[in-house]
Amino acid sequence: MRELPQDRPYRFRPPVDRPWLNPLLRWVNRSVFLKRFYHVSSVECHGIERLEEAMRSKDAVVLAPNHADHADVHVLSEVTARVGIRPRFMGAREIFEAGAINAFALQSGGVFSVDRDGADIAAIKMALSILEAGDYPLVIYPEGEIYHHHEWLDPLHDGLASILLKVARKLPDNRRAWIFPIAFRFEYDGSVRETFPERVAALEKTIGWTPKEDLPVVERLYRFGPALLAVKEMEYFGETGTGDLAERLERLRERLLADVEGRHGKDVRSTTVPERVRAQRFRIRKALLDPENRPDPATRHRLLDDIKRIHVAYQVYSYPGVYLAEDPDDHRIAETLMKLEEDLLGKATYPVARKATIVFGEPIDVTRMLGAGELPAKGGAPELTAVLEEKLGAMVRQGDPTGLSGADSPSIVRGDA
């Protein structure tokens, strides 16, 4: 989970159509990001014809993928471009703040910003206008973050459902509203196994260990995890915890959150960990950027330290503690290493070729559900989110390689990345 700047004023960035730039953007996406940076050598796509049908009808379409990997945005852009569709993406404000060139490219590629920690009215209005027009599908990642355990689905936010329902209730009779659950999977070339020892050694050195080269990789990771956790426990609270790994992770996360909430106040409406994190980031950012009461250097230092504590709590939340133990195959080992590299070294490693599979599942007909009374006349976002979570969760679970159990046979589009 990348740590991004938290003390910059927010400015909404809309998508900007620059058709003359599209061929270059697609070439960069395929040749630079997919092939060179993320090592995605091939892409297999199932079921995209359903999306083509909906777009021909100018329906209101939201694409709801699991957030499996930093490459999934680039894979989705590639497969939709192959059939002449250019989605609009809702992207976290922080990715636009990496520089002017980055922001220019994102906006030209159909991405618009959203401040996830506040009520971003401009982003909501943009999302509504895209769906009302029906010219582009809108991509919203309902998990909100990349947790690097893509065979599990994390709890979904209901903002996606809330936005689509606002539009669905006002559509004319000749148009429908759909949610397309989309499942990503990334599979590594078998040679990835040969990269494990050196990468684990680099991680072990970050905590001052001599690499345990005589032990199997999985055992080294089982030892490294609790050791790293002990470092964080000592850093923030001066003592190490007891119990199994999952219990210690939960205890550290709760102590960090409670510590910050004790200074800035707890939002009673925020109950899940992601909601609590966003609520605290909003409050701390507001204090950092208050133009009338600018914090002095000492106060600013404390506020930034609290932001850091919140980030660590969120990192801890993203490690369930049992993902690798459940099935320690090459793919989960590689995912775990990528996650640790990103958190400790600042950059994940993609050392060998990977195959990406993207599946467009059976779409959820929101118009039909409203007409049949399956969703309440007002509200309905929690109920619709639960339907999406059930369908998308089934798609990402291991054992259903296409994610289309019970659906008609999909089309398959294969090709080099």
Protein backbone atom coordinates (compact mmCIF):
# COMPACT_ATOMS: atom_id res chain seq x y z
CA MET A 1 0.00 0.00 0.00
CA ARG A 2 1.72 3.13 -1.21
CA GLU A 3 2.19 6.05 1.15
CA LEU A 4 1.25 9.23 -0.66
CA PRO A 5 1.49 12.93 0.30
CA GLN A 6 -1.31 13.97 2.64
CA ASP A 7 -0.67 17.69 3.08
CA ARG A 8 -1.47 19.16 -0.33
CA PRO A 9 -4.60 21.17 -1.18
CA TYR A 10 -7.02 19.27 -3.37
CA ARG A 11 -8.02 20.39 -6.86
CA PHE A 12 -10.53 18.39 -8.88
CA ARG A 13 -9.13 17.06 -12.18
CA PRO A 14 -11.75 16.20 -14.86
CA PRO A 15 -11.14 13.89 -17.82
CA VAL A 16 -10.03 15.75 -20.93
CA ASP A 17 -10.64 14.40 -24.42
CA ARG A 18 -7.54 14.66 -26.59
CA PRO A 19 -8.29 12.28 -29.51
CA TRP A 20 -5.02 13.10 -31.24
CA LEU A 21 -3.18 11.64 -28.25
CA ASN A 22 -5.08 8.33 -28.06
CA PRO A 23 -2.76 6.27 -30.33
CA LEU A 24 0.28 7.37 -28.33
CA LEU A 25 -1.42 6.70 -25.01
CA ARG A 26 -2.38 3.20 -26.10
CA TRP A 27 1.17 2.48 -27.30
CA VAL A 28 2.60 3.69 -23.99
CA ASN A 29 0.06 1.64 -22.08
CA ARG A 30 0.95 -1.57 -23.94
CA SER A 31 4.67 -1.17 -24.50
CA VAL A 32 5.76 0.70 -21.40
CA PHE A 33 3.34 -0.10 -18.60
CA LEU A 34 2.06 -3.58 -19.44
CA LYS A 35 5.10 -5.14 -21.08
CA ARG A 36 8.08 -3.35 -19.58
CA PHE A 37 6.95 -2.15 -16.16
CA TYR A 38 4.40 -4.75 -15.04
CA HIS A 39 5.70 -7.65 -17.18
CA VAL A 40 2.23 -8.60 -18.43
CA SER A 41 3.12 -10.66 -21.49
CA SER A 42 -0.37 -11.90 -22.40
CA VAL A 43 -3.97 -10.96 -21.72
CA GLU A 44 -7.02 -13.23 -21.86
CA CYS A 45 -10.44 -11.61 -21.76
CA HIS A 46 -13.83 -13.30 -21.26
CA GLY A 47 -17.34 -11.97 -21.71
CA ILE A 48 -16.68 -8.47 -23.02
CA GLU A 49 -19.45 -8.77 -25.63
CA ARG A 50 -22.00 -8.04 -22.88
CA LEU A 51 -20.36 -4.67 -22.36
CA GLU A 52 -20.40 -3.95 -26.10
CA GLU A 53 -24.16 -4.62 -26.20
CA ALA A 54 -24.84 -2.28 -23.28
CA MET A 55 -22.76 0.52 -24.79
CA ARG A 56 -24.52 0.24 -28.17
CA SER A 57 -27.76 0.93 -26.28
CA LYS A 58 -26.17 3.94 -24.50
CA ASP A 59 -27.07 2.37 -21.17
CA ALA A 60 -25.73 3.66 -17.85
CA VAL A 61 -22.88 1.24 -17.14
CA VAL A 62 -20.60 0.98 -14.13
CA LEU A 63 -17.66 -1.42 -14.31
CA ALA A 64 -16.80 -2.77 -10.86
CA PRO A 65 -13.49 -4.67 -10.82
CA ASN A 66 -11.64 -6.20 -7.92
CA HIS A 67 -8.48 -4.15 -7.35
CA ALA A 68 -6.01 -7.00 -7.81
CA ASP A 69 -2.81 -5.30 -8.90
CA HIS A 70 -1.40 -1.98 -10.06
CA ALA A 71 -1.53 -3.36 -13.59
CA ASP A 72 -5.28 -4.00 -13.66
CA VAL A 73 -6.15 -0.46 -14.79
CA HIS A 74 -3.78 -0.88 -17.74
CA VAL A 75 -5.20 -4.30 -18.63
CA LEU A 76 -8.76 -2.96 -18.56
CA SER A 77 -7.76 -0.01 -20.75
CA GLU A 78 -6.15 -2.40 -23.24
CA VAL A 79 -9.03 -4.88 -23.60
CA THR A 80 -11.69 -2.16 -23.90
CA ALA A 81 -9.59 -0.32 -26.51
CA ARG A 82 -9.53 -3.51 -28.59
CA VAL A 83 -13.32 -3.27 -29.00
CA GLY A 84 -13.44 0.50 -29.44
CA ILE A 85 -14.59 1.42 -25.92
CA ARG A 86 -12.83 4.07 -23.82
CA PRO A 87 -13.98 3.95 -20.19
CA ARG A 88 -13.92 6.82 -17.76
CA PHE A 89 -12.06 5.99 -14.54
CA MET A 90 -12.58 7.43 -11.08
CA GLY A 91 -9.08 7.66 -9.60
CA ALA A 92 -7.78 8.67 -6.18
CA ARG A 93 -6.62 12.28 -6.01
CA GLU A 94 -3.13 11.21 -4.92
CA ILE A 95 -2.22 9.65 -8.26
CA PHE A 96 -2.66 13.06 -9.92
CA GLU A 97 -0.29 14.66 -7.43
CA ALA A 98 2.77 12.77 -8.66
CA GLY A 99 3.50 15.53 -11.18
CA ALA A 100 2.05 17.64 -13.98
CA ILE A 101 2.96 15.17 -16.75
CA ASN A 102 1.33 12.33 -14.85
CA ALA A 103 -1.85 14.36 -14.31
CA PHE A 104 -1.92 15.35 -18.01
CA ALA A 105 -1.64 11.71 -19.11
CA LEU A 106 -4.27 10.51 -16.65
CA GLN A 107 -6.81 13.12 -17.67
CA SER A 108 -6.12 12.45 -21.36
CA GLY A 109 -6.71 8.75 -20.69
CA GLY A 110 -10.18 9.37 -19.27
CA VAL A 111 -9.35 9.43 -15.55
CA PHE A 112 -10.84 12.00 -13.18
CA SER A 113 -9.90 12.59 -9.57
CA VAL A 114 -11.82 11.92 -6.38
CA ASP A 115 -10.95 12.88 -2.84
CA ARG A 116 -11.83 9.67 -1.01
CA ASP A 117 -11.55 11.28 2.40
CA GLY A 118 -14.14 14.00 1.88
CA ALA A 119 -17.44 14.70 0.18
CA ASP A 120 -16.10 15.36 -3.32
CA ILE A 121 -19.14 16.93 -4.96
CA ALA A 122 -17.28 17.66 -8.21
CA ALA A 123 -16.31 14.01 -8.63
CA ILE A 124 -19.84 12.82 -7.89
CA LYS A 125 -21.29 15.27 -10.41
CA MET A 126 -18.80 14.08 -13.01
CA ALA A 127 -19.70 10.45 -12.38
CA LEU A 128 -23.41 11.22 -12.66
CA SER A 129 -22.96 13.14 -15.91
CA ILE A 130 -20.99 10.26 -17.47
CA LEU A 131 -23.71 7.76 -16.60
CA GLU A 132 -26.53 10.06 -17.69
CA ALA A 133 -24.92 10.59 -21.11
CA GLY A 134 -24.24 6.88 -21.70
CA ASP A 135 -21.27 7.45 -24.01
CA TYR A 136 -18.70 5.79 -21.77
CA PRO A 137 -18.73 3.11 -19.09
CA LEU A 138 -17.63 4.39 -15.69
CA VAL A 139 -14.99 2.41 -13.78
CA ILE A 140 -15.10 2.52 -9.98
CA TYR A 141 -13.05 0.14 -7.83
CA PRO A 142 -15.40 -0.70 -4.95
CA GLU A 143 -12.64 -2.12 -2.72
CA GLY A 144 -10.96 1.28 -2.81
CA GLU A 145 -7.39 0.03 -2.33
CA ILE A 146 -5.02 -2.61 -3.68
CA TYR A 147 -4.47 -5.14 -0.90
CA HIS A 148 -2.44 -7.67 -2.93
CA HIS A 149 -4.54 -10.70 -2.09
CA HIS A 150 -6.62 -10.94 -5.22
CA GLU A 151 -8.03 -14.39 -4.51
CA TRP A 152 -9.92 -12.75 -1.67
CA LEU A 153 -12.37 -9.87 -2.01
CA ASP A 154 -12.28 -7.15 0.62
CA PRO A 155 -15.48 -5.48 1.86
CA LEU A 156 -16.91 -3.10 -0.75
CA HIS A 157 -17.77 0.56 -0.31
CA ASP A 158 -21.33 1.49 -1.29
CA GLY A 159 -20.46 4.75 -3.08
CA LEU A 160 -20.60 3.00 -6.46
CA ALA A 161 -24.12 1.72 -5.84
CA SER A 162 -25.28 5.08 -4.51
CA ILE A 163 -24.08 6.91 -7.64
CA LEU A 164 -25.64 4.47 -10.08
CA LEU A 165 -28.98 4.37 -8.24
CA LYS A 166 -29.27 8.17 -8.51
CA VAL A 167 -29.08 7.84 -12.28
CA ALA A 168 -31.04 4.60 -12.67
CA ARG A 169 -34.22 6.07 -11.16
CA LYS A 170 -34.27 8.88 -13.75
CA LEU A 171 -33.38 7.00 -16.95
CA PRO A 172 -35.88 6.97 -19.84
CA ASP A 173 -37.65 3.69 -20.61
CA ASN A 174 -35.34 2.86 -23.53
CA ARG A 175 -32.21 2.84 -21.35
CA ARG A 176 -31.10 0.58 -18.51
CA ALA A 177 -28.62 0.76 -15.65
CA TRP A 178 -26.04 -2.01 -15.19
CA ILE A 179 -23.20 -2.99 -12.90
CA PHE A 180 -20.61 -5.28 -14.46
CA PRO A 181 -18.63 -7.23 -11.87
CA ILE A 182 -15.13 -7.76 -13.28
CA ALA A 183 -12.59 -10.22 -11.93
CA PHE A 184 -8.85 -9.94 -12.51
CA ARG A 185 -6.27 -12.65 -12.01
CA PHE A 186 -2.53 -12.47 -12.57
CA GLU A 187 -0.56 -15.69 -12.98
CA TYR A 188 3.22 -15.84 -12.93
CA ASP A 189 5.59 -17.72 -15.15
CA GLY A 190 7.09 -20.66 -13.23
CA SER A 191 10.48 -18.96 -13.24
CA VAL A 192 9.22 -16.57 -10.56
CA ARG A 193 10.18 -19.21 -8.00
CA GLU A 194 13.85 -18.61 -8.75
CA THR A 195 13.51 -14.94 -7.75
CA PHE A 196 12.15 -15.64 -4.27
CA PRO A 197 15.37 -16.22 -2.26
CA GLU A 198 17.08 -13.01 -3.34
CA ARG A 199 13.94 -10.94 -2.79
CA VAL A 200 13.32 -12.38 0.68
CA ALA A 201 16.97 -11.67 1.52
CA ALA A 202 16.49 -8.01 0.57
CA LEU A 203 13.52 -7.81 2.92
CA GLU A 204 15.35 -9.54 5.76
CA LYS A 205 18.16 -7.01 5.50
CA THR A 206 15.70 -4.14 6.07
CA ILE A 207 15.35 -5.25 9.71
CA GLY A 208 19.04 -6.01 10.16
CA TRP A 209 18.86 -9.77 9.69
CA THR A 210 21.41 -11.96 8.03
CA PRO A 211 19.47 -13.70 5.23
CA LYS A 212 18.26 -17.15 6.31
CA GLU A 213 19.38 -18.83 3.11
CA ASP A 214 19.29 -22.35 4.57
CA LEU A 215 15.51 -22.21 5.16
CA PRO A 216 12.64 -22.65 2.67
CA VAL A 217 11.18 -19.39 1.37
CA VAL A 218 7.78 -19.86 3.00
CA GLU A 219 9.33 -20.51 6.40
CA ARG A 220 11.48 -17.41 6.01
CA LEU A 221 8.34 -15.37 5.36
CA TYR A 222 6.59 -16.93 8.35
CA ARG A 223 9.51 -15.79 10.52
CA PHE A 224 9.87 -12.41 8.89
CA GLY A 225 6.24 -11.38 9.34
CA PRO A 226 6.16 -11.58 13.16
CA ALA A 227 9.63 -10.01 13.36
CA LEU A 228 8.54 -7.03 11.27
CA LEU A 229 5.38 -6.73 13.34
CA ALA A 230 7.49 -6.66 16.52
CA VAL A 231 9.53 -3.79 15.07
CA LYS A 232 6.33 -1.76 14.53
CA GLU A 233 4.96 -2.67 17.97
CA MET A 234 8.18 -1.46 19.59
CA GLU A 235 8.32 1.66 17.39
CA TYR A 236 4.89 2.90 18.40
CA PHE A 237 4.20 1.41 21.83
CA GLY A 238 7.51 0.24 23.27
CA GLU A 239 6.50 -3.37 23.71
CA THR A 240 5.89 -6.46 21.62
CA GLY A 241 2.55 -8.21 21.54
CA THR A 242 1.54 -11.75 22.38
CA GLY A 243 -0.73 -14.22 20.62
CA ASP A 244 -0.81 -15.47 17.07
CA LEU A 245 -0.02 -13.27 14.08
CA ALA A 246 -3.64 -12.40 13.23
CA GLU A 247 -4.37 -11.36 16.83
CA ARG A 248 -1.25 -9.18 17.03
CA LEU A 249 -2.05 -7.50 13.72
CA GLU A 250 -5.55 -6.65 14.88
CA ARG A 251 -4.31 -5.38 18.25
CA LEU A 252 -1.67 -3.11 16.72
CA ARG A 253 -4.16 -1.75 14.19
CA GLU A 254 -6.73 -0.95 16.86
CA ARG A 255 -4.18 0.66 19.17
CA LEU A 256 -2.92 2.92 16.40
CA LEU A 257 -6.42 3.94 15.33
CA ALA A 258 -7.62 4.49 18.89
CA ASP A 259 -4.50 6.54 19.66
CA VAL A 260 -5.16 8.95 16.77
CA GLU A 261 -8.93 9.02 17.35
CA GLY A 262 -8.24 9.99 20.95
CA ARG A 263 -6.53 13.16 19.73
CA HIS A 264 -8.81 14.09 16.83
CA GLY A 265 -12.18 12.65 17.82
CA LYS A 266 -13.95 9.56 16.61
CA ASP A 267 -16.55 9.72 13.83
CA VAL A 268 -19.45 7.64 15.15
CA ARG A 269 -20.66 7.00 11.58
CA SER A 270 -17.36 5.36 10.65
CA THR A 271 -17.35 1.75 11.78
CA THR A 272 -15.10 -0.23 9.42
CA VAL A 273 -11.33 0.23 9.39
CA PRO A 274 -11.27 1.93 5.93
CA GLU A 275 -14.04 4.33 7.05
CA ARG A 276 -12.17 5.17 10.26
CA VAL A 277 -8.96 5.75 8.32
CA ARG A 278 -10.66 8.08 5.84
CA ALA A 279 -12.40 9.99 8.65
CA GLN A 280 -9.10 10.61 10.46
CA ARG A 281 -7.23 11.55 7.30
CA PHE A 282 -9.97 14.09 6.53
CA ARG A 283 -9.75 15.67 9.99
CA ILE A 284 -5.96 15.79 10.05
CA ARG A 285 -5.71 17.15 6.51
CA LYS A 286 -8.22 19.85 7.41
CA ALA A 287 -6.03 20.91 10.33
CA LEU A 288 -2.85 20.78 8.23
CA LEU A 289 -4.35 22.97 5.50
CA ASP A 290 -6.38 25.40 7.61
CA PRO A 291 -5.56 28.81 6.02
CA GLU A 292 -6.77 30.76 9.05
CA ASN A 293 -4.98 28.72 11.71
CA ARG A 294 -1.83 27.44 10.10
CA PRO A 295 -0.13 24.91 12.38
CA ASP A 296 3.22 25.88 13.84
CA PRO A 297 6.17 23.57 13.09
CA ALA A 298 5.70 21.47 16.23
CA THR A 299 1.97 21.03 15.61
CA ARG A 300 2.56 20.24 11.96
CA HIS A 301 5.08 17.58 12.97
CA ARG A 302 2.53 15.96 15.31
CA LEU A 303 -0.18 16.03 12.64
CA LEU A 304 2.10 14.41 10.08
CA ASP A 305 3.06 11.77 12.65
CA ASP A 306 -0.63 11.02 13.17
CA ILE A 307 -1.06 10.68 9.40
CA LYS A 308 1.82 8.20 9.46
CA ARG A 309 0.18 6.22 12.28
CA ILE A 310 -3.06 6.06 10.33
CA HIS A 311 -1.17 4.84 7.28
CA VAL A 312 0.55 2.10 9.29
CA ALA A 313 -2.82 1.06 10.76
CA TYR A 314 -4.19 0.76 7.22
CA GLN A 315 -1.14 -1.24 6.15
CA VAL A 316 -1.64 -3.58 9.07
CA TYR A 317 -5.30 -3.97 8.14
CA SER A 318 -4.27 -5.00 4.63
CA TYR A 319 -2.36 -8.01 5.98
CA PRO A 320 -4.99 -10.58 7.00
CA GLY A 321 -2.31 -12.83 8.54
CA VAL A 322 -3.57 -16.08 7.00
CA TYR A 323 -3.66 -15.43 3.23
CA LEU A 324 -0.31 -17.11 2.56
CA ALA A 325 -0.86 -19.86 5.12
CA GLU A 326 -4.17 -20.83 3.48
CA ASP A 327 -2.47 -21.78 0.20
CA PRO A 328 1.30 -21.05 -0.03
CA ASP A 329 1.61 -21.55 -3.80
CA ASP A 330 3.93 -19.59 -6.08
CA HIS A 331 1.29 -16.98 -6.92
CA ARG A 332 0.48 -16.13 -3.29
CA ILE A 333 4.17 -16.10 -2.36
CA ALA A 334 4.80 -13.67 -5.24
CA GLU A 335 1.87 -11.48 -4.18
CA THR A 336 3.05 -11.42 -0.58
CA LEU A 337 6.57 -10.47 -1.65
CA MET A 338 5.24 -7.69 -3.90
CA LYS A 339 3.22 -6.30 -1.02
CA LEU A 340 6.15 -6.37 1.42
CA GLU A 341 8.45 -4.81 -1.17
CA GLU A 342 6.00 -2.00 -1.78
CA ASP A 343 5.55 -1.33 1.94
CA LEU A 344 9.22 -1.65 2.98
CA LEU A 345 11.25 -0.82 -0.11
CA GLY A 346 8.85 1.65 -1.73
CA LYS A 347 8.45 -0.30 -4.96
CA ALA A 348 7.09 -3.74 -5.83
CA THR A 349 9.07 -6.08 -8.08
CA TYR A 350 7.67 -7.67 -11.24
CA PRO A 351 10.65 -9.84 -12.22
CA VAL A 352 9.13 -12.36 -14.65
CA ALA A 353 6.39 -12.62 -17.26
CA ARG A 354 2.79 -12.71 -16.07
CA LYS A 355 -0.49 -13.65 -17.68
CA ALA A 356 -3.50 -11.44 -16.96
CA THR A 357 -7.04 -12.80 -17.11
CA ILE A 358 -9.97 -10.39 -17.03
CA VAL A 359 -13.54 -11.65 -16.80
CA PHE A 360 -16.66 -9.57 -17.39
CA GLY A 361 -19.25 -11.38 -15.29
CA GLU A 362 -23.01 -11.55 -15.68
CA PRO A 363 -24.11 -7.91 -15.34
CA ILE A 364 -26.45 -6.81 -12.57
CA ASP A 365 -29.60 -5.32 -14.10
CA VAL A 366 -30.29 -2.49 -11.67
CA THR A 367 -33.26 -1.24 -13.72
CA ARG A 368 -34.96 -4.62 -13.43
CA MET A 369 -34.25 -4.81 -9.68
CA LEU A 370 -35.82 -1.40 -9.13
CA GLY A 371 -38.87 -2.29 -11.21
CA ALA A 372 -39.33 -5.59 -9.40
CA GLY A 373 -39.13 -3.98 -5.97
CA GLU A 374 -35.93 -5.84 -5.10
CA LEU A 375 -34.40 -2.53 -4.08
CA PRO A 376 -36.20 0.05 -1.90
CA ALA A 377 -37.76 3.11 -3.48
CA LYS A 378 -35.25 5.30 -1.67
CA GLY A 379 -31.71 4.44 -0.73
CA GLY A 380 -30.87 0.87 -1.62
CA ALA A 381 -27.10 1.30 -1.85
CA PRO A 382 -26.30 -1.20 0.94
CA GLU A 383 -28.59 -3.81 -0.60
CA LEU A 384 -27.16 -3.34 -4.09
CA THR A 385 -23.62 -3.41 -2.75
CA ALA A 386 -24.37 -6.72 -1.04
CA VAL A 387 -25.51 -8.20 -4.37
CA LEU A 388 -22.34 -6.97 -6.07
CA GLU A 389 -20.14 -8.26 -3.26
CA GLU A 390 -21.69 -11.72 -3.49
CA LYS A 391 -21.26 -11.93 -7.27
CA LEU A 392 -17.77 -10.46 -7.41
CA GLY A 393 -16.65 -12.51 -4.42
CA ALA A 394 -17.70 -15.70 -6.20
CA MET A 395 -15.77 -14.65 -9.28
CA VAL A 396 -12.46 -14.03 -7.53
CA ARG A 397 -12.52 -17.18 -5.40
CA GLN A 398 -10.03 -19.82 -6.38
CA GLY A 399 -11.55 -22.82 -8.15
CA ASP A 400 -13.67 -20.86 -10.64
CA PRO A 401 -11.07 -19.90 -13.26
CA THR A 402 -13.41 -17.89 -15.50
CA GLY A 403 -15.54 -16.49 -12.68
CA LEU A 404 -18.65 -17.17 -14.74
CA SER A 405 -20.26 -20.06 -12.93
CA GLY A 406 -23.81 -20.41 -14.12
CA ALA A 407 -23.39 -17.90 -16.95
CA ASP A 408 -23.50 -18.48 -20.67
CA SER A 409 -20.24 -19.42 -22.32
CA PRO A 410 -18.24 -16.21 -22.78
CA SER A 411 -16.28 -15.04 -25.70
CA ILE A 412 -12.55 -15.31 -25.23
CA VAL A 413 -10.16 -12.71 -26.58
CA ARG A 414 -6.52 -13.71 -26.32
CA GLY A 415 -3.47 -11.79 -27.33
CA ASP A 416 -0.13 -10.39 -26.37
CA ALA A 417 -0.26 -7.49 -24.00
